[in-house]
Amino acid sequence: MSMFYDVSHELSEETPVYPGDIEPRFFPEDCGQYILTGLRMSTHSGTHIDAPSHYLKNDESVDRIPVAALIGPCRVLDLSGVPEEISGDDLNGRIDGIKRIFFKTGCKFCGQFDPGYIGLGISAAKIISARGIIAVGIDSPSIEKFHGTGEVHRELLGKGIVVIEFLDLELVPEGDYQMIALPLRLRGLDGSPARVILVKPGLPDDEKPGRIG
C-alpha cells in the first residue's frame, strides 16, 4: 500500500507570515441555506509556490507554470544538521539523476515567524540550476535566508525552476517519492498557496517482505 504525506501546512488565521506580508483573515457569512466565506490573504500565505514574476517582474505568472514540473519523482534530503545555510558542498553526490528536490531543514511550525530559519545559499542554487532540476522545495518560510538579497530566488526562478516554500516535512523520512504540488490557477499573479502531496509507492505483492511463494 502506498504512503501519502500531506506536506502542506494548515492555513488559518494563526499561520505565521513573512514580516510585512498580509495576514490571513477569513470572513464566514451565514447566507441562510448555506455558509459563504470571504478570504483575505497573500499569494504567498502558508505552503505556496513562487512564480518567476515574483522576483523577475515579468509575465511568467503562476498560472503559466507547466503542470509537468509540478507532478513527478521527487527526492527529500534531510539537511537538518546544516548550521546556517545549505551550500553546494551539502549537495555533493546527493542530487544526481533527479529533477525535483525538497530540503528538510528541521524548520517547524511554531505559531510565529522565526527569522533564524535555514535557507539555500547561492552556491547550492547555482548547482541546482546547472543540473537541470525543475522544482525545488523547502520547509523554511523562504528559499533563501531572512537577510538574503534575492539572488537565490533570481537564480532559480530565472532558470524556470519551480520554487515551493514553507513545506511541512517533519514526518517525512529522507528518500524518493512522487510529488504532486498544485497551486491555484491565479491568472497573472506572482504565486499561490498550494496543496502539496508526497507519495511513497508500496511494494508489489511479490516483493513484500515475508511473502511465502
N, C-alpha and C. Protein backbone atom coordinates (compact mmCIF):
# COMPACT_ATOMS: atom_id res chain seq x y z
N MET A 1 0.84 -1.19 0.00
CA MET A 1 0.00 0.00 0.00
C MET A 1 0.88 1.25 0.00
N SER A 2 0.53 2.23 -0.80
CA SER A 2 1.30 3.46 -0.87
C SER A 2 1.10 4.30 0.39
N MET A 3 2.14 5.05 0.75
CA MET A 3 2.08 6.00 1.86
C MET A 3 1.90 7.40 1.28
N PHE A 4 0.94 8.15 1.83
CA PHE A 4 0.68 9.51 1.38
C PHE A 4 1.06 10.49 2.49
N TYR A 5 1.82 11.50 2.13
CA TYR A 5 2.21 12.55 3.07
C TYR A 5 1.68 13.88 2.57
N ASP A 6 0.79 14.50 3.34
CA ASP A 6 0.35 15.85 3.02
C ASP A 6 1.37 16.80 3.64
N VAL A 7 2.18 17.42 2.81
CA VAL A 7 3.28 18.26 3.31
C VAL A 7 2.95 19.74 3.19
N SER A 8 1.65 20.06 3.16
CA SER A 8 1.21 21.45 3.20
C SER A 8 0.81 21.80 4.63
N HIS A 9 1.17 23.00 5.06
CA HIS A 9 0.73 23.46 6.37
C HIS A 9 -0.75 23.82 6.32
N GLU A 10 -1.43 23.56 7.42
CA GLU A 10 -2.80 24.03 7.56
C GLU A 10 -2.81 25.56 7.49
N LEU A 11 -3.70 26.10 6.69
CA LEU A 11 -3.77 27.55 6.52
C LEU A 11 -4.92 28.10 7.36
N SER A 12 -4.56 28.97 8.32
CA SER A 12 -5.56 29.54 9.22
C SER A 12 -5.14 30.96 9.58
N GLU A 13 -5.92 31.61 10.40
CA GLU A 13 -5.58 32.96 10.82
C GLU A 13 -4.39 32.97 11.77
N GLU A 14 -3.98 31.79 12.24
CA GLU A 14 -2.79 31.69 13.11
C GLU A 14 -1.52 31.36 12.33
N THR A 15 -1.63 31.10 11.05
CA THR A 15 -0.46 30.76 10.25
C THR A 15 0.52 31.93 10.22
N PRO A 16 1.79 31.71 10.59
CA PRO A 16 2.76 32.82 10.57
C PRO A 16 3.02 33.29 9.15
N VAL A 17 3.29 34.57 9.02
CA VAL A 17 3.57 35.14 7.71
C VAL A 17 4.92 35.84 7.73
N TYR A 18 5.49 35.99 6.55
CA TYR A 18 6.73 36.74 6.40
C TYR A 18 6.47 38.18 6.82
N PRO A 19 7.38 38.81 7.57
CA PRO A 19 7.15 40.19 8.03
C PRO A 19 6.76 41.13 6.89
N GLY A 20 5.67 41.85 7.10
CA GLY A 20 5.18 42.77 6.09
C GLY A 20 4.15 42.16 5.16
N ASP A 21 4.00 40.84 5.19
CA ASP A 21 3.03 40.16 4.34
C ASP A 21 1.63 40.30 4.93
N ILE A 22 0.63 40.00 4.11
CA ILE A 22 -0.77 40.09 4.54
C ILE A 22 -1.10 38.90 5.43
N GLU A 23 -1.65 39.13 6.60
CA GLU A 23 -2.04 38.05 7.49
C GLU A 23 -3.36 37.46 7.01
N PRO A 24 -3.47 36.13 6.98
CA PRO A 24 -4.72 35.50 6.53
C PRO A 24 -5.88 35.88 7.43
N ARG A 25 -6.99 36.22 6.81
CA ARG A 25 -8.21 36.53 7.54
C ARG A 25 -9.39 35.92 6.80
N PHE A 26 -10.28 35.28 7.54
CA PHE A 26 -11.43 34.61 6.97
C PHE A 26 -12.71 35.28 7.48
N PHE A 27 -13.67 35.45 6.59
CA PHE A 27 -14.90 36.16 6.94
C PHE A 27 -16.12 35.30 6.57
N PRO A 28 -16.48 34.35 7.45
CA PRO A 28 -17.64 33.50 7.15
C PRO A 28 -18.95 34.28 7.29
N GLU A 29 -19.86 34.00 6.39
CA GLU A 29 -21.17 34.66 6.41
C GLU A 29 -22.26 33.61 6.27
N ASP A 30 -23.23 33.68 7.19
CA ASP A 30 -24.38 32.78 7.14
C ASP A 30 -25.40 33.37 6.17
N CYS A 31 -25.55 32.71 5.02
CA CYS A 31 -26.46 33.20 3.98
C CYS A 31 -27.81 32.49 4.02
N GLY A 32 -28.15 31.91 5.16
CA GLY A 32 -29.43 31.23 5.29
C GLY A 32 -29.29 29.75 5.03
N GLN A 33 -29.38 29.36 3.77
CA GLN A 33 -29.30 27.94 3.43
C GLN A 33 -27.86 27.44 3.32
N TYR A 34 -26.90 28.34 3.34
CA TYR A 34 -25.50 27.93 3.18
C TYR A 34 -24.57 28.96 3.84
N ILE A 35 -23.32 28.54 4.02
CA ILE A 35 -22.27 29.40 4.55
C ILE A 35 -21.34 29.80 3.41
N LEU A 36 -20.96 31.05 3.35
CA LEU A 36 -20.03 31.55 2.34
C LEU A 36 -18.95 32.37 3.04
N THR A 37 -17.68 32.04 2.78
CA THR A 37 -16.58 32.68 3.49
C THR A 37 -15.71 33.50 2.55
N GLY A 38 -15.52 34.75 2.91
CA GLY A 38 -14.59 35.61 2.19
C GLY A 38 -13.17 35.39 2.71
N LEU A 39 -12.18 35.54 1.85
CA LEU A 39 -10.79 35.31 2.21
C LEU A 39 -9.97 36.57 1.97
N ARG A 40 -9.04 36.84 2.88
CA ARG A 40 -8.06 37.90 2.67
C ARG A 40 -6.71 37.31 3.03
N MET A 41 -5.85 37.19 2.05
CA MET A 41 -4.53 36.60 2.29
C MET A 41 -3.60 36.98 1.15
N SER A 42 -2.34 36.62 1.30
CA SER A 42 -1.34 36.86 0.28
C SER A 42 -1.27 35.67 -0.68
N THR A 43 -0.72 35.90 -1.86
CA THR A 43 -0.43 34.80 -2.78
C THR A 43 0.67 33.91 -2.23
N HIS A 44 1.33 34.33 -1.15
CA HIS A 44 2.42 33.56 -0.55
C HIS A 44 2.08 33.15 0.89
N SER A 45 0.81 32.99 1.18
CA SER A 45 0.37 32.55 2.50
C SER A 45 0.53 31.04 2.64
N GLY A 46 1.00 30.60 3.81
CA GLY A 46 1.14 29.17 4.07
C GLY A 46 2.10 28.50 3.09
N THR A 47 1.90 27.22 2.86
CA THR A 47 2.67 26.50 1.85
C THR A 47 2.29 27.06 0.49
N HIS A 48 3.29 27.49 -0.28
CA HIS A 48 2.96 28.20 -1.52
C HIS A 48 4.04 28.00 -2.58
N ILE A 49 3.68 28.37 -3.80
CA ILE A 49 4.58 28.27 -4.94
C ILE A 49 4.88 29.67 -5.46
N ASP A 50 6.16 29.95 -5.67
CA ASP A 50 6.60 31.22 -6.27
C ASP A 50 6.60 31.10 -7.79
N ALA A 51 6.02 32.07 -8.45
CA ALA A 51 6.15 32.16 -9.91
C ALA A 51 7.38 33.00 -10.24
N PRO A 52 7.95 32.85 -11.43
CA PRO A 52 9.08 33.70 -11.82
C PRO A 52 8.80 35.19 -11.67
N SER A 53 7.56 35.59 -11.91
CA SER A 53 7.22 37.02 -11.83
C SER A 53 7.33 37.58 -10.41
N HIS A 54 7.42 36.71 -9.42
CA HIS A 54 7.56 37.15 -8.03
C HIS A 54 8.81 38.01 -7.84
N TYR A 55 9.91 37.61 -8.47
CA TYR A 55 11.16 38.37 -8.35
C TYR A 55 11.62 38.99 -9.67
N LEU A 56 11.27 38.37 -10.78
CA LEU A 56 11.75 38.86 -12.06
C LEU A 56 10.84 39.93 -12.65
N LYS A 57 9.64 40.06 -12.08
CA LYS A 57 8.67 41.08 -12.51
C LYS A 57 8.41 41.01 -14.01
N ASN A 58 8.21 39.79 -14.49
CA ASN A 58 7.89 39.58 -15.91
C ASN A 58 6.47 39.02 -16.01
N ASP A 59 6.12 38.45 -17.15
CA ASP A 59 4.76 37.93 -17.33
C ASP A 59 4.67 36.43 -17.08
N GLU A 60 5.71 35.84 -16.47
CA GLU A 60 5.70 34.40 -16.18
C GLU A 60 5.01 34.16 -14.84
N SER A 61 3.70 34.21 -14.88
CA SER A 61 2.88 34.12 -13.67
C SER A 61 2.62 32.67 -13.27
N VAL A 62 2.00 32.50 -12.11
CA VAL A 62 1.85 31.16 -11.54
C VAL A 62 0.96 30.27 -12.41
N ASP A 63 0.01 30.85 -13.13
CA ASP A 63 -0.85 30.04 -13.98
C ASP A 63 -0.14 29.53 -15.23
N ARG A 64 1.07 30.03 -15.48
CA ARG A 64 1.83 29.60 -16.66
C ARG A 64 2.90 28.56 -16.32
N ILE A 65 3.00 28.16 -15.06
CA ILE A 65 3.95 27.11 -14.69
C ILE A 65 3.49 25.79 -15.31
N PRO A 66 4.35 25.09 -16.04
CA PRO A 66 3.94 23.82 -16.68
C PRO A 66 3.53 22.78 -15.64
N VAL A 67 2.40 22.16 -15.87
CA VAL A 67 1.92 21.14 -14.94
C VAL A 67 2.93 20.00 -14.82
N ALA A 68 3.65 19.71 -15.88
CA ALA A 68 4.62 18.61 -15.86
C ALA A 68 5.70 18.83 -14.82
N ALA A 69 5.99 20.09 -14.49
CA ALA A 69 7.00 20.38 -13.47
C ALA A 69 6.47 20.14 -12.07
N LEU A 70 5.14 20.11 -11.93
CA LEU A 70 4.50 20.05 -10.61
C LEU A 70 4.11 18.64 -10.18
N ILE A 71 4.29 17.68 -11.08
CA ILE A 71 3.93 16.29 -10.78
C ILE A 71 5.05 15.38 -11.28
N GLY A 72 5.57 14.52 -10.38
CA GLY A 72 6.60 13.59 -10.80
C GLY A 72 7.52 13.19 -9.67
N PRO A 73 8.57 12.43 -9.97
CA PRO A 73 9.51 11.97 -8.94
C PRO A 73 10.17 13.13 -8.22
N CYS A 74 10.37 12.96 -6.91
CA CYS A 74 10.97 14.00 -6.07
C CYS A 74 11.80 13.34 -4.98
N ARG A 75 12.94 13.92 -4.68
CA ARG A 75 13.78 13.41 -3.60
C ARG A 75 13.74 14.37 -2.41
N VAL A 76 13.53 13.82 -1.21
CA VAL A 76 13.61 14.58 0.03
C VAL A 76 14.98 14.37 0.63
N LEU A 77 15.71 15.46 0.86
CA LEU A 77 17.01 15.40 1.51
C LEU A 77 16.91 15.97 2.92
N ASP A 78 17.36 15.22 3.89
CA ASP A 78 17.37 15.69 5.28
C ASP A 78 18.68 16.43 5.53
N LEU A 79 18.60 17.75 5.62
CA LEU A 79 19.76 18.59 5.89
C LEU A 79 19.57 19.36 7.19
N SER A 80 18.88 18.71 8.14
CA SER A 80 18.56 19.38 9.40
C SER A 80 19.79 19.67 10.25
N GLY A 81 20.95 19.09 9.88
CA GLY A 81 22.17 19.38 10.64
C GLY A 81 22.94 20.57 10.11
N VAL A 82 22.47 21.17 9.02
CA VAL A 82 23.17 22.33 8.44
C VAL A 82 23.02 23.52 9.39
N PRO A 83 24.12 24.20 9.74
CA PRO A 83 24.05 25.24 10.76
C PRO A 83 23.40 26.55 10.33
N GLU A 84 23.67 27.04 9.11
CA GLU A 84 23.17 28.35 8.72
C GLU A 84 22.47 28.36 7.37
N GLU A 85 23.15 27.87 6.34
CA GLU A 85 22.53 27.80 5.03
C GLU A 85 23.05 26.57 4.29
N ILE A 86 22.26 26.13 3.31
CA ILE A 86 22.63 24.97 2.51
C ILE A 86 23.62 25.41 1.45
N SER A 87 24.79 24.79 1.43
CA SER A 87 25.83 25.15 0.48
C SER A 87 25.93 24.10 -0.63
N GLY A 88 26.73 24.42 -1.63
CA GLY A 88 26.96 23.47 -2.70
C GLY A 88 27.57 22.18 -2.19
N ASP A 89 28.45 22.27 -1.18
CA ASP A 89 29.09 21.08 -0.62
C ASP A 89 28.08 20.13 0.00
N ASP A 90 26.98 20.66 0.52
CA ASP A 90 25.96 19.82 1.15
C ASP A 90 25.22 18.96 0.13
N LEU A 91 25.36 19.30 -1.15
CA LEU A 91 24.63 18.58 -2.20
C LEU A 91 25.48 17.54 -2.92
N ASN A 92 26.77 17.53 -2.65
CA ASN A 92 27.68 16.63 -3.36
C ASN A 92 27.23 15.18 -3.28
N GLY A 93 27.01 14.57 -4.46
CA GLY A 93 26.66 13.16 -4.54
C GLY A 93 25.25 12.82 -4.10
N ARG A 94 24.40 13.84 -3.88
CA ARG A 94 23.08 13.57 -3.32
C ARG A 94 21.93 13.96 -4.25
N ILE A 95 22.25 14.62 -5.35
CA ILE A 95 21.16 15.07 -6.23
C ILE A 95 21.33 14.56 -7.66
N ASP A 96 22.19 13.57 -7.84
CA ASP A 96 22.42 13.03 -9.18
C ASP A 96 21.16 12.35 -9.72
N GLY A 97 20.82 12.66 -10.96
CA GLY A 97 19.74 11.98 -11.64
C GLY A 97 18.34 12.33 -11.20
N ILE A 98 18.16 13.45 -10.48
CA ILE A 98 16.82 13.82 -10.04
C ILE A 98 16.40 15.14 -10.68
N LYS A 99 15.10 15.37 -10.75
CA LYS A 99 14.55 16.58 -11.36
C LYS A 99 13.82 17.47 -10.35
N ARG A 100 13.44 16.88 -9.22
CA ARG A 100 12.73 17.64 -8.19
C ARG A 100 13.34 17.30 -6.85
N ILE A 101 13.45 18.31 -5.98
CA ILE A 101 14.10 18.08 -4.70
C ILE A 101 13.45 18.93 -3.61
N PHE A 102 13.25 18.31 -2.44
CA PHE A 102 12.75 19.01 -1.26
C PHE A 102 13.83 18.98 -0.18
N PHE A 103 14.05 20.10 0.47
CA PHE A 103 15.03 20.19 1.54
C PHE A 103 14.33 20.23 2.90
N LYS A 104 14.68 19.25 3.73
CA LYS A 104 14.17 19.18 5.09
C LYS A 104 15.23 19.76 6.02
N THR A 105 14.95 20.91 6.59
CA THR A 105 15.96 21.61 7.41
C THR A 105 15.67 21.53 8.90
N GLY A 106 14.51 20.97 9.26
CA GLY A 106 14.12 20.92 10.66
C GLY A 106 13.29 22.11 11.08
N CYS A 107 12.92 22.97 10.14
CA CYS A 107 12.06 24.11 10.45
C CYS A 107 10.68 23.59 10.83
N LYS A 108 10.17 24.03 11.98
CA LYS A 108 8.88 23.55 12.46
C LYS A 108 7.90 24.72 12.61
N PHE A 109 6.64 24.42 12.36
CA PHE A 109 5.59 25.40 12.57
C PHE A 109 5.46 25.63 14.07
N CYS A 110 5.70 26.86 14.53
CA CYS A 110 5.66 27.13 15.97
C CYS A 110 4.73 28.28 16.32
N GLY A 111 3.87 28.68 15.39
CA GLY A 111 2.89 29.71 15.69
C GLY A 111 3.35 31.13 15.47
N GLN A 112 4.63 31.32 15.19
CA GLN A 112 5.12 32.67 14.90
C GLN A 112 6.32 32.60 13.98
N PHE A 113 6.59 33.70 13.30
CA PHE A 113 7.68 33.74 12.35
C PHE A 113 9.02 33.74 13.07
N ASP A 114 9.95 32.90 12.58
CA ASP A 114 11.29 32.82 13.15
C ASP A 114 12.30 33.21 12.08
N PRO A 115 12.97 34.37 12.21
CA PRO A 115 13.92 34.82 11.18
C PRO A 115 15.20 34.00 11.12
N GLY A 116 15.39 33.05 12.05
CA GLY A 116 16.62 32.27 12.07
C GLY A 116 16.55 30.99 11.26
N TYR A 117 15.61 30.88 10.36
CA TYR A 117 15.46 29.66 9.57
C TYR A 117 16.64 29.44 8.62
N ILE A 118 16.78 28.19 8.16
CA ILE A 118 17.83 27.81 7.21
C ILE A 118 17.35 28.06 5.79
N GLY A 119 18.20 28.66 4.97
CA GLY A 119 17.88 28.90 3.58
C GLY A 119 18.91 28.27 2.66
N LEU A 120 18.68 28.42 1.38
CA LEU A 120 19.59 27.90 0.36
C LEU A 120 20.62 28.97 0.02
N GLY A 121 21.90 28.60 0.01
CA GLY A 121 22.95 29.52 -0.36
C GLY A 121 23.07 29.62 -1.88
N ILE A 122 23.72 30.66 -2.34
CA ILE A 122 23.82 30.87 -3.79
C ILE A 122 24.65 29.79 -4.47
N SER A 123 25.65 29.24 -3.77
CA SER A 123 26.46 28.17 -4.38
C SER A 123 25.60 26.94 -4.65
N ALA A 124 24.71 26.62 -3.73
CA ALA A 124 23.80 25.49 -3.92
C ALA A 124 22.79 25.79 -5.02
N ALA A 125 22.29 27.02 -5.06
CA ALA A 125 21.32 27.40 -6.08
C ALA A 125 21.91 27.27 -7.48
N LYS A 126 23.18 27.64 -7.64
CA LYS A 126 23.82 27.56 -8.95
C LYS A 126 24.03 26.11 -9.37
N ILE A 127 24.35 25.25 -8.42
CA ILE A 127 24.49 23.83 -8.74
C ILE A 127 23.15 23.25 -9.18
N ILE A 128 22.09 23.61 -8.48
CA ILE A 128 20.75 23.13 -8.81
C ILE A 128 20.34 23.57 -10.20
N SER A 129 20.57 24.83 -10.52
CA SER A 129 20.17 25.32 -11.84
C SER A 129 21.01 24.72 -12.95
N ALA A 130 22.28 24.40 -12.62
CA ALA A 130 23.16 23.81 -13.64
C ALA A 130 22.83 22.34 -13.90
N ARG A 131 22.19 21.68 -12.94
CA ARG A 131 21.88 20.24 -13.07
C ARG A 131 20.57 19.97 -13.79
N GLY A 132 19.86 21.00 -14.17
CA GLY A 132 18.60 20.79 -14.87
C GLY A 132 17.44 20.40 -13.97
N ILE A 133 17.55 20.68 -12.68
CA ILE A 133 16.45 20.41 -11.76
C ILE A 133 15.31 21.38 -12.07
N ILE A 134 14.06 20.91 -12.02
CA ILE A 134 12.94 21.73 -12.43
C ILE A 134 12.05 22.20 -11.28
N ALA A 135 12.24 21.65 -10.08
CA ALA A 135 11.43 22.09 -8.93
C ALA A 135 12.24 21.91 -7.64
N VAL A 136 12.17 22.92 -6.78
CA VAL A 136 12.88 22.91 -5.50
C VAL A 136 11.92 23.35 -4.41
N GLY A 137 11.87 22.59 -3.32
CA GLY A 137 11.04 22.96 -2.19
C GLY A 137 11.81 22.95 -0.90
N ILE A 138 11.31 23.66 0.10
CA ILE A 138 11.98 23.75 1.40
C ILE A 138 10.93 23.93 2.49
N ASP A 139 11.25 23.48 3.70
CA ASP A 139 10.31 23.63 4.80
C ASP A 139 10.41 24.98 5.49
N SER A 140 11.38 25.79 5.10
CA SER A 140 11.54 27.14 5.64
C SER A 140 10.51 28.09 5.01
N PRO A 141 10.27 29.25 5.63
CA PRO A 141 9.31 30.21 5.07
C PRO A 141 9.75 30.78 3.72
N SER A 142 11.05 30.72 3.44
CA SER A 142 11.57 31.22 2.16
C SER A 142 12.73 30.35 1.72
N ILE A 143 12.98 30.31 0.41
CA ILE A 143 14.08 29.50 -0.12
C ILE A 143 15.43 30.08 0.26
N GLU A 144 15.50 31.38 0.56
CA GLU A 144 16.77 31.95 0.98
C GLU A 144 16.65 32.60 2.35
N LYS A 145 17.77 32.85 2.98
CA LYS A 145 17.80 33.34 4.35
C LYS A 145 17.07 34.67 4.49
N PHE A 146 16.70 34.98 5.72
CA PHE A 146 15.89 36.16 6.02
C PHE A 146 16.53 37.45 5.49
N HIS A 147 17.84 37.56 5.61
CA HIS A 147 18.53 38.77 5.16
C HIS A 147 19.14 38.58 3.77
N GLY A 148 18.57 37.68 2.99
CA GLY A 148 19.07 37.44 1.63
C GLY A 148 18.81 38.63 0.72
N THR A 149 19.54 38.67 -0.38
CA THR A 149 19.44 39.79 -1.32
C THR A 149 18.46 39.52 -2.45
N GLY A 150 17.92 38.30 -2.50
CA GLY A 150 17.06 37.91 -3.60
C GLY A 150 17.80 37.16 -4.70
N GLU A 151 19.13 37.03 -4.55
CA GLU A 151 19.91 36.40 -5.61
C GLU A 151 19.58 34.92 -5.78
N VAL A 152 19.23 34.25 -4.70
CA VAL A 152 18.86 32.83 -4.79
C VAL A 152 17.55 32.68 -5.56
N HIS A 153 16.56 33.51 -5.22
CA HIS A 153 15.31 33.50 -5.97
C HIS A 153 15.55 33.77 -7.45
N ARG A 154 16.34 34.79 -7.74
CA ARG A 154 16.56 35.16 -9.14
C ARG A 154 17.32 34.07 -9.90
N GLU A 155 18.25 33.40 -9.23
CA GLU A 155 18.99 32.32 -9.88
C GLU A 155 18.06 31.18 -10.25
N LEU A 156 17.20 30.78 -9.33
CA LEU A 156 16.31 29.65 -9.58
C LEU A 156 15.16 30.02 -10.51
N LEU A 157 14.46 31.09 -10.19
CA LEU A 157 13.31 31.49 -11.00
C LEU A 157 13.73 31.92 -12.40
N GLY A 158 14.93 32.48 -12.49
CA GLY A 158 15.43 32.89 -13.79
C GLY A 158 15.70 31.72 -14.72
N LYS A 159 15.89 30.53 -14.15
CA LYS A 159 16.09 29.32 -14.94
C LYS A 159 14.79 28.53 -15.10
N GLY A 160 13.68 29.12 -14.69
CA GLY A 160 12.40 28.44 -14.83
C GLY A 160 12.15 27.36 -13.81
N ILE A 161 12.91 27.36 -12.70
CA ILE A 161 12.76 26.33 -11.67
C ILE A 161 11.60 26.71 -10.74
N VAL A 162 10.70 25.77 -10.51
CA VAL A 162 9.58 25.99 -9.60
C VAL A 162 10.11 26.05 -8.17
N VAL A 163 9.69 27.06 -7.41
CA VAL A 163 10.12 27.22 -6.01
C VAL A 163 8.90 27.03 -5.10
N ILE A 164 9.00 26.07 -4.18
CA ILE A 164 7.91 25.76 -3.25
C ILE A 164 8.43 26.01 -1.84
N GLU A 165 7.71 26.84 -1.08
CA GLU A 165 8.21 27.26 0.23
C GLU A 165 7.23 26.91 1.35
N PHE A 166 7.79 26.79 2.56
CA PHE A 166 7.04 26.54 3.79
C PHE A 166 6.31 25.20 3.74
N LEU A 167 7.05 24.16 3.37
CA LEU A 167 6.52 22.80 3.40
C LEU A 167 6.53 22.26 4.83
N ASP A 168 5.73 21.26 5.09
CA ASP A 168 5.73 20.56 6.37
C ASP A 168 6.34 19.17 6.16
N LEU A 169 7.64 19.07 6.41
CA LEU A 169 8.36 17.82 6.17
C LEU A 169 8.76 17.10 7.45
N GLU A 170 8.21 17.51 8.57
CA GLU A 170 8.64 16.97 9.86
C GLU A 170 8.54 15.45 9.94
N LEU A 171 7.50 14.86 9.38
CA LEU A 171 7.27 13.42 9.49
C LEU A 171 7.69 12.64 8.26
N VAL A 172 8.37 13.32 7.33
CA VAL A 172 8.75 12.68 6.07
C VAL A 172 10.21 12.22 6.11
N PRO A 173 10.47 10.92 6.02
CA PRO A 173 11.85 10.44 6.00
C PRO A 173 12.55 10.83 4.69
N GLU A 174 13.86 10.94 4.76
CA GLU A 174 14.64 11.16 3.54
C GLU A 174 14.39 10.01 2.57
N GLY A 175 14.31 10.34 1.30
CA GLY A 175 14.10 9.29 0.31
C GLY A 175 13.45 9.82 -0.95
N ASP A 176 13.06 8.92 -1.81
CA ASP A 176 12.46 9.26 -3.10
C ASP A 176 10.96 9.02 -3.07
N TYR A 177 10.22 9.96 -3.65
CA TYR A 177 8.76 9.97 -3.63
C TYR A 177 8.23 10.40 -5.00
N GLN A 178 6.90 10.34 -5.13
CA GLN A 178 6.19 11.01 -6.20
C GLN A 178 5.59 12.29 -5.61
N MET A 179 5.75 13.39 -6.30
CA MET A 179 5.29 14.69 -5.83
C MET A 179 4.10 15.17 -6.64
N ILE A 180 3.12 15.75 -5.94
CA ILE A 180 2.03 16.48 -6.56
C ILE A 180 1.95 17.83 -5.86
N ALA A 181 2.16 18.91 -6.58
CA ALA A 181 2.18 20.25 -5.99
C ALA A 181 1.36 21.18 -6.87
N LEU A 182 0.13 21.46 -6.47
CA LEU A 182 -0.78 22.20 -7.34
C LEU A 182 -1.17 23.55 -6.73
N PRO A 183 -0.77 24.63 -7.40
CA PRO A 183 -1.22 25.96 -6.98
C PRO A 183 -2.60 26.25 -7.55
N LEU A 184 -3.26 27.27 -7.01
CA LEU A 184 -4.47 27.75 -7.66
C LEU A 184 -4.10 28.37 -9.00
N ARG A 185 -5.00 28.30 -9.94
CA ARG A 185 -4.72 28.83 -11.27
C ARG A 185 -5.09 30.33 -11.29
N LEU A 186 -4.24 31.12 -10.65
CA LEU A 186 -4.49 32.55 -10.49
C LEU A 186 -3.86 33.31 -11.65
N ARG A 187 -4.69 33.77 -12.54
CA ARG A 187 -4.19 34.38 -13.77
C ARG A 187 -3.37 35.65 -13.50
N GLY A 188 -2.15 35.64 -14.02
CA GLY A 188 -1.31 36.82 -13.98
C GLY A 188 -0.65 37.12 -12.65
N LEU A 189 -0.79 36.22 -11.65
CA LEU A 189 -0.27 36.53 -10.32
C LEU A 189 1.09 35.88 -10.06
N ASP A 190 1.75 36.38 -9.01
CA ASP A 190 3.15 36.06 -8.73
C ASP A 190 3.36 34.82 -7.88
N GLY A 191 2.30 34.17 -7.47
CA GLY A 191 2.41 32.96 -6.66
C GLY A 191 1.03 32.50 -6.23
N SER A 192 0.99 31.41 -5.47
CA SER A 192 -0.28 30.90 -5.00
C SER A 192 -0.07 29.92 -3.84
N PRO A 193 -0.97 29.94 -2.84
CA PRO A 193 -1.00 28.83 -1.89
C PRO A 193 -1.16 27.52 -2.65
N ALA A 194 -0.63 26.44 -2.09
CA ALA A 194 -0.64 25.16 -2.81
C ALA A 194 -0.90 24.00 -1.85
N ARG A 195 -1.49 22.97 -2.37
CA ARG A 195 -1.62 21.70 -1.66
C ARG A 195 -0.55 20.79 -2.24
N VAL A 196 0.35 20.32 -1.38
CA VAL A 196 1.50 19.53 -1.84
C VAL A 196 1.45 18.15 -1.18
N ILE A 197 1.51 17.11 -1.99
CA ILE A 197 1.43 15.73 -1.52
C ILE A 197 2.67 14.97 -1.98
N LEU A 198 3.22 14.14 -1.10
CA LEU A 198 4.27 13.19 -1.46
C LEU A 198 3.71 11.78 -1.32
N VAL A 199 4.02 10.94 -2.30
CA VAL A 199 3.53 9.57 -2.30
C VAL A 199 4.72 8.62 -2.33
N LYS A 200 4.74 7.69 -1.38
CA LYS A 200 5.74 6.63 -1.36
C LYS A 200 5.07 5.36 -1.85
N PRO A 201 5.34 4.97 -3.09
CA PRO A 201 4.64 3.78 -3.63
C PRO A 201 4.92 2.54 -2.79
N GLY A 202 3.91 1.69 -2.64
CA GLY A 202 4.08 0.44 -1.93
C GLY A 202 4.76 -0.59 -2.81
N LEU A 203 5.27 -1.64 -2.18
CA LEU A 203 5.91 -2.72 -2.93
C LEU A 203 4.85 -3.60 -3.59
N PRO A 204 5.12 -4.09 -4.79
CA PRO A 204 4.22 -5.09 -5.39
C PRO A 204 4.12 -6.30 -4.47
N ASP A 205 3.02 -7.05 -4.58
CA ASP A 205 2.80 -8.20 -3.68
C ASP A 205 3.95 -9.18 -3.69
N ASP A 206 4.56 -9.40 -4.87
CA ASP A 206 5.61 -10.41 -4.95
C ASP A 206 6.95 -9.89 -4.45
N GLU A 207 7.00 -8.62 -3.99
CA GLU A 207 8.24 -8.08 -3.44
C GLU A 207 8.13 -7.73 -1.97
N LYS A 208 6.93 -7.90 -1.40
CA LYS A 208 6.74 -7.54 0.00
C LYS A 208 7.51 -8.49 0.90
N PRO A 209 8.21 -7.94 1.91
CA PRO A 209 8.95 -8.80 2.84
C PRO A 209 8.03 -9.83 3.52
N GLY A 210 8.52 -11.03 3.67
CA GLY A 210 7.78 -12.05 4.39
C GLY A 210 6.78 -12.83 3.58
N ARG A 211 6.64 -12.52 2.30
CA ARG A 211 5.67 -13.24 1.48
C ARG A 211 6.20 -14.65 1.20
N ILE A 212 5.35 -15.63 1.37
CA ILE A 212 5.71 -17.01 1.08
C ILE A 212 5.19 -17.39 -0.28
N GLY A 213 6.11 -17.72 -1.22
CA GLY A 213 5.68 -18.02 -2.59
C GLY A 213 5.24 -19.45 -2.77
